[in-house]
Amino acid sequence: MALVASVRVPARVLLRAGARLPGAALGRTERAAGGGDGARRFGSQRVLVEPDAGADHARQLTKAMMRKATASRLVTQRDADVQNFVSFISKDSIQKSLQMYLERLKEEKG
């Protein structure tokens, strides 16, 4: 929902092409300058957008669904991944590079 001149408007209205809000000029919604308060610009007006109640739940379900395959693959291959990392990080060339990197950090800091 969005609050425009004391009128609540569903957020999806702001995203609809050619949407018209009460007292607002036609225009595309854009993030309003000034931070993460949920404000957007619609034409010349600054409006506060509140997401639809179902949108948060749907977004959570979608994220969980999209991440499930990757998460399960990482869990099942954890031991092999740890062994791969340890063998990589133990190489002399990698240790030398890390040593040089840490020395540069100490020089910059000190």
C-alpha atoms as a PDB file:
ATOM      1  CA  MET A   1       0.000   0.000   0.000  1.00  0.00           C
ATOM      2  CA  ALA A   2       1.117   3.567  -0.574  1.00  0.00           C
ATOM      3  CA  LEU A   3       0.032   6.668   1.248  1.00  0.00           C
ATOM      4  CA  VAL A   4      -0.653   9.555  -1.134  1.00  0.00           C
ATOM      5  CA  ALA A   5      -2.378  12.612   0.263  1.00  0.00           C
ATOM      6  CA  SER A   6      -4.040  10.414   2.917  1.00  0.00           C
ATOM      7  CA  VAL A   7      -5.173   7.843   0.346  1.00  0.00           C
ATOM      8  CA  ARG A   8      -3.914   4.272   0.523  1.00  0.00           C
ATOM      9  CA  VAL A   9      -3.059   2.781  -2.842  1.00  0.00           C
ATOM     10  CA  PRO A  10      -1.820  -0.803  -3.436  1.00  0.00           C
ATOM     11  CA  ALA A  11       1.885  -0.888  -4.294  1.00  0.00           C
ATOM     12  CA  ARG A  12       1.162  -2.834  -7.487  1.00  0.00           C
ATOM     13  CA  VAL A  13      -0.710   0.229  -8.804  1.00  0.00           C
ATOM     14  CA  LEU A  14       2.552   2.157  -8.703  1.00  0.00           C
ATOM     15  CA  LEU A  15       4.201  -0.444 -10.907  1.00  0.00           C
ATOM     16  CA  ARG A  16       1.437  -0.618 -13.495  1.00  0.00           C
ATOM     17  CA  ALA A  17       2.238   1.142 -16.763  1.00  0.00           C
ATOM     18  CA  GLY A  18       0.358   4.420 -17.045  1.00  0.00           C
ATOM     19  CA  ALA A  19      -0.892   4.203 -13.470  1.00  0.00           C
ATOM     20  CA  ARG A  20      -2.571   7.322 -12.150  1.00  0.00           C
ATOM     21  CA  LEU A  21      -2.628   8.269  -8.496  1.00  0.00           C
ATOM     22  CA  PRO A  22      -4.995  10.838  -6.991  1.00  0.00           C
ATOM     23  CA  GLY A  23      -3.426  14.260  -7.526  1.00  0.00           C
ATOM     24  CA  ALA A  24      -0.241  12.831  -9.079  1.00  0.00           C
ATOM     25  CA  ALA A  25       1.226  13.440 -12.475  1.00  0.00           C
ATOM     26  CA  LEU A  26       1.737  10.445 -14.714  1.00  0.00           C
ATOM     27  CA  GLY A  27       5.193   9.075 -14.328  1.00  0.00           C
ATOM     28  CA  ARG A  28       7.306   6.116 -13.528  1.00  0.00           C
ATOM     29  CA  THR A  29       8.039   5.249  -9.917  1.00  0.00           C
ATOM     30  CA  GLU A  30      11.644   5.706  -8.863  1.00  0.00           C
ATOM     31  CA  ARG A  31      13.403   5.459  -5.519  1.00  0.00           C
ATOM     32  CA  ALA A  32      13.202   8.824  -3.822  1.00  0.00           C
ATOM     33  CA  ALA A  33      16.446  10.371  -2.657  1.00  0.00           C
ATOM     34  CA  GLY A  34      17.021  10.251   1.041  1.00  0.00           C
ATOM     35  CA  GLY A  35      17.374   6.681   2.073  1.00  0.00           C
ATOM     36  CA  GLY A  36      15.616   3.470   2.735  1.00  0.00           C
ATOM     37  CA  ASP A  37      12.354   4.666   4.222  1.00  0.00           C
ATOM     38  CA  GLY A  38      10.408   2.967   1.435  1.00  0.00           C
ATOM     39  CA  ALA A  39       9.686   6.268  -0.276  1.00  0.00           C
ATOM     40  CA  ARG A  40       9.390   6.374  -4.047  1.00  0.00           C
ATOM     41  CA  ARG A  41       8.885   9.137  -6.568  1.00  0.00           C
ATOM     42  CA  PHE A  42       5.792   9.013  -8.700  1.00  0.00           C
ATOM     43  CA  GLY A  43       5.841  11.931 -11.104  1.00  0.00           C
ATOM     44  CA  SER A  44       6.561  14.944  -8.946  1.00  0.00           C
ATOM     45  CA  GLN A  45       5.185  13.449  -5.727  1.00  0.00           C
ATOM     46  CA  ARG A  46       7.032  11.539  -3.051  1.00  0.00           C
ATOM     47  CA  VAL A  47       4.978   8.582  -1.899  1.00  0.00           C
ATOM     48  CA  LEU A  48       5.512   6.051   0.865  1.00  0.00           C
ATOM     49  CA  VAL A  49       5.147   2.496  -0.366  1.00  0.00           C
ATOM     50  CA  GLU A  50       4.156  -0.329   1.946  1.00  0.00           C
ATOM     51  CA  PRO A  51       4.412  -3.763   0.344  1.00  0.00           C
ATOM     52  CA  ASP A  52       1.280  -5.864   0.023  1.00  0.00           C
ATOM     53  CA  ALA A  53       0.763  -8.210   2.973  1.00  0.00           C
ATOM     54  CA  GLY A  54       1.010 -11.353   0.836  1.00  0.00           C
ATOM     55  CA  ALA A  55       4.085 -10.151  -1.017  1.00  0.00           C
ATOM     56  CA  ASP A  56       6.435 -10.767   1.921  1.00  0.00           C
ATOM     57  CA  HIS A  57       5.261 -14.337   2.382  1.00  0.00           C
ATOM     58  CA  ALA A  58       5.424 -15.023  -1.360  1.00  0.00           C
ATOM     59  CA  ARG A  59       8.936 -13.541  -1.517  1.00  0.00           C
ATOM     60  CA  GLN A  60      10.070 -15.768   1.376  1.00  0.00           C
ATOM     61  CA  LEU A  61       8.643 -18.874  -0.296  1.00  0.00           C
ATOM     62  CA  THR A  62      10.274 -17.974  -3.617  1.00  0.00           C
ATOM     63  CA  LYS A  63      13.665 -17.367  -1.997  1.00  0.00           C
ATOM     64  CA  ALA A  64      13.465 -20.668  -0.112  1.00  0.00           C
ATOM     65  CA  MET A  65      12.483 -22.524  -3.276  1.00  0.00           C
ATOM     66  CA  MET A  66      15.278 -20.935  -5.335  1.00  0.00           C
ATOM     67  CA  ARG A  67      17.946 -21.577  -2.682  1.00  0.00           C
ATOM     68  CA  LYS A  68      16.908 -25.117  -1.737  1.00  0.00           C
ATOM     69  CA  ALA A  69      18.869 -26.936  -4.452  1.00  0.00           C
ATOM     70  CA  THR A  70      22.043 -24.925  -3.830  1.00  0.00           C
ATOM     71  CA  ALA A  71      21.807 -25.284  -0.062  1.00  0.00           C
ATOM     72  CA  SER A  72      21.268 -29.046  -0.210  1.00  0.00           C
ATOM     73  CA  ARG A  73      24.175 -29.454  -2.660  1.00  0.00           C
ATOM     74  CA  LEU A  74      26.467 -27.465  -0.361  1.00  0.00           C
ATOM     75  CA  VAL A  75      25.463 -29.528   2.670  1.00  0.00           C
ATOM     76  CA  THR A  76      25.961 -32.879   0.926  1.00  0.00           C
ATOM     77  CA  GLN A  77      29.353 -31.865  -0.495  1.00  0.00           C
ATOM     78  CA  ARG A  78      30.607 -30.142   2.664  1.00  0.00           C
ATOM     79  CA  ASP A  79      33.440 -32.575   3.443  1.00  0.00           C
ATOM     80  CA  ALA A  80      34.760 -32.578  -0.111  1.00  0.00           C
ATOM     81  CA  ASP A  81      34.549 -28.779  -0.221  1.00  0.00           C
ATOM     82  CA  VAL A  82      36.501 -28.436   3.028  1.00  0.00           C
ATOM     83  CA  GLN A  83      39.198 -30.832   1.764  1.00  0.00           C
ATOM     84  CA  ASN A  84      39.429 -28.922  -1.520  1.00  0.00           C
ATOM     85  CA  PHE A  85      39.811 -25.615   0.335  1.00  0.00           C
ATOM     86  CA  VAL A  86      42.434 -26.979   2.728  1.00  0.00           C
ATOM     87  CA  SER A  87      44.512 -28.472  -0.099  1.00  0.00           C
ATOM     88  CA  PHE A  88      44.279 -25.196  -2.053  1.00  0.00           C
ATOM     89  CA  ILE A  89      45.169 -22.923   0.855  1.00  0.00           C
ATOM     90  CA  SER A  90      48.073 -25.199   1.886  1.00  0.00           C
ATOM     91  CA  LYS A  91      49.939 -24.753  -1.395  1.00  0.00           C
ATOM     92  CA  ASP A  92      53.248 -22.878  -1.052  1.00  0.00           C
ATOM     93  CA  SER A  93      52.373 -20.376  -3.777  1.00  0.00           C
ATOM     94  CA  ILE A  94      49.087 -19.486  -2.083  1.00  0.00           C
ATOM     95  CA  GLN A  95      50.756 -19.173   1.326  1.00  0.00           C
ATOM     96  CA  LYS A  96      53.383 -16.853  -0.175  1.00  0.00           C
ATOM     97  CA  SER A  97      50.703 -14.691  -1.807  1.00  0.00           C
ATOM     98  CA  LEU A  98      48.760 -14.475   1.445  1.00  0.00           C
ATOM     99  CA  GLN A  99      51.914 -13.521   3.337  1.00  0.00           C
ATOM    100  CA  MET A 100      52.662 -10.698   0.874  1.00  0.00           C
ATOM    101  CA  TYR A 101      49.045  -9.511   1.079  1.00  0.00           C
ATOM    102  CA  LEU A 102      49.125  -9.417   4.892  1.00  0.00           C
ATOM    103  CA  GLU A 103      52.446  -7.543   4.856  1.00  0.00           C
ATOM    104  CA  ARG A 104      50.941  -4.900   2.528  1.00  0.00           C
ATOM    105  CA  LEU A 105      47.969  -4.549   4.836  1.00  0.00           C
ATOM    106  CA  LYS A 106      50.289  -4.023   7.809  1.00  0.00           C
ATOM    107  CA  GLU A 107      52.234  -1.350   5.878  1.00  0.00           C
ATOM    108  CA  GLU A 108      49.064   0.515   4.952  1.00  0.00           C
ATOM    109  CA  LYS A 109      47.762   0.370   8.511  1.00  0.00           C
ATOM    110  CA  GLY A 110      50.999   1.172  10.298  1.00  0.00           C
END
